[in-house]
Amino acid sequence: MEEARALGEMNANMVLLGFLIIIVCQDIVAVTAFKRSVRKGILCAVVPGYILFHASCEESRRVKPWIGWLVGLGVMLMGFMR
């Protein structure tokens, strides 16, 4: 019983961690998108999957935070598995 409770808490922490990674990376992309266009910045901040579309359209040599977004999504999905 104790082991199942610990596993459930770990899964909840992984979901929370993945969600926080997604939010941080999404906000980084939104800030850079706001510098180019207000419409794209709002879409990046509000629509979760839009940053993947924005990243595919915008070529930059900077570190790509959308990779972090995908990592956060993976961590969050692993938290949902039992």
Protein backbone atom coordinates (compact mmCIF):
# COMPACT_ATOMS: atom_id res chain seq x y z
CA MET A 1 0.00 0.00 0.00
CA GLU A 2 2.80 2.39 0.92
CA GLU A 3 4.59 1.64 -2.35
CA ALA A 4 1.51 2.45 -4.43
CA ARG A 5 1.08 5.75 -2.61
CA ALA A 6 4.73 6.69 -3.23
CA LEU A 7 4.37 5.80 -6.90
CA GLY A 8 1.23 7.94 -7.18
CA GLU A 9 3.00 10.90 -5.60
CA MET A 10 5.95 10.48 -7.96
CA ASN A 11 3.59 10.39 -10.95
CA ALA A 12 1.86 13.56 -9.76
CA ASN A 13 5.23 15.28 -9.36
CA MET A 14 6.28 14.25 -12.86
CA VAL A 15 3.06 15.66 -14.33
CA LEU A 16 3.60 18.93 -12.47
CA LEU A 17 7.27 19.14 -13.49
CA GLY A 18 6.43 18.46 -17.14
CA PHE A 19 3.69 21.10 -17.07
CA LEU A 20 6.07 23.68 -15.57
CA ILE A 21 8.73 22.93 -18.20
CA ILE A 22 6.11 23.38 -20.93
CA ILE A 23 4.94 26.71 -19.50
CA VAL A 24 8.47 28.12 -19.15
CA CYS A 25 9.51 27.09 -22.67
CA GLN A 26 6.25 28.34 -24.14
CA ASP A 27 6.74 31.73 -22.48
CA ILE A 28 10.30 31.99 -23.81
CA VAL A 29 9.05 31.38 -27.34
CA ALA A 30 6.15 33.81 -26.83
CA VAL A 31 8.50 36.61 -25.76
CA THR A 32 10.66 36.17 -28.86
CA ALA A 33 7.53 35.95 -31.05
CA PHE A 34 6.15 39.18 -29.54
CA LYS A 35 9.27 40.97 -30.79
CA ARG A 36 8.33 40.08 -34.36
CA SER A 37 4.54 40.12 -34.31
CA VAL A 38 1.93 40.66 -31.61
CA ARG A 39 -0.42 38.14 -33.22
CA LYS A 40 2.22 35.40 -33.25
CA GLY A 41 3.20 36.23 -29.68
CA ILE A 42 -0.37 35.88 -28.44
CA LEU A 43 -0.81 32.61 -30.33
CA CYS A 44 2.44 31.23 -28.86
CA ALA A 45 1.37 32.25 -25.35
CA VAL A 46 -2.17 30.87 -25.55
CA VAL A 47 -2.21 27.91 -27.97
CA PRO A 48 -0.01 25.07 -26.65
CA GLY A 49 0.94 23.46 -29.96
CA TYR A 50 1.45 26.69 -31.91
CA ILE A 51 5.07 26.98 -30.81
CA LEU A 52 5.91 23.90 -32.90
CA PHE A 53 4.43 25.60 -35.97
CA HIS A 54 6.15 28.87 -35.12
CA ALA A 55 9.50 27.11 -34.63
CA SER A 56 9.22 25.36 -37.99
CA CYS A 57 8.52 28.67 -39.76
CA GLU A 58 11.12 30.79 -37.97
CA GLU A 59 14.74 29.82 -38.57
CA SER A 60 17.08 30.96 -35.83
CA ARG A 61 20.49 29.91 -34.61
CA ARG A 62 19.57 30.28 -30.95
CA VAL A 63 18.94 27.38 -28.64
CA LYS A 64 15.50 26.15 -29.52
CA PRO A 65 13.19 26.20 -26.48
CA TRP A 66 10.58 24.16 -28.33
CA ILE A 67 12.83 21.14 -27.77
CA GLY A 68 12.35 21.80 -24.06
CA TRP A 69 8.62 21.99 -24.70
CA LEU A 70 8.72 18.50 -26.21
CA VAL A 71 10.81 17.23 -23.27
CA GLY A 72 8.25 18.68 -20.85
CA LEU A 73 5.47 16.99 -22.78
CA GLY A 74 7.33 13.68 -22.56
CA VAL A 75 7.86 14.05 -18.80
CA MET A 76 4.22 14.91 -18.32
CA LEU A 77 3.05 11.92 -20.37
CA MET A 78 5.38 9.61 -18.43
CA GLY A 79 3.74 10.88 -15.24
CA PHE A 80 0.35 9.75 -16.53
CA MET A 81 1.59 6.19 -17.07
CA ARG A 82 1.47 3.68 -14.23
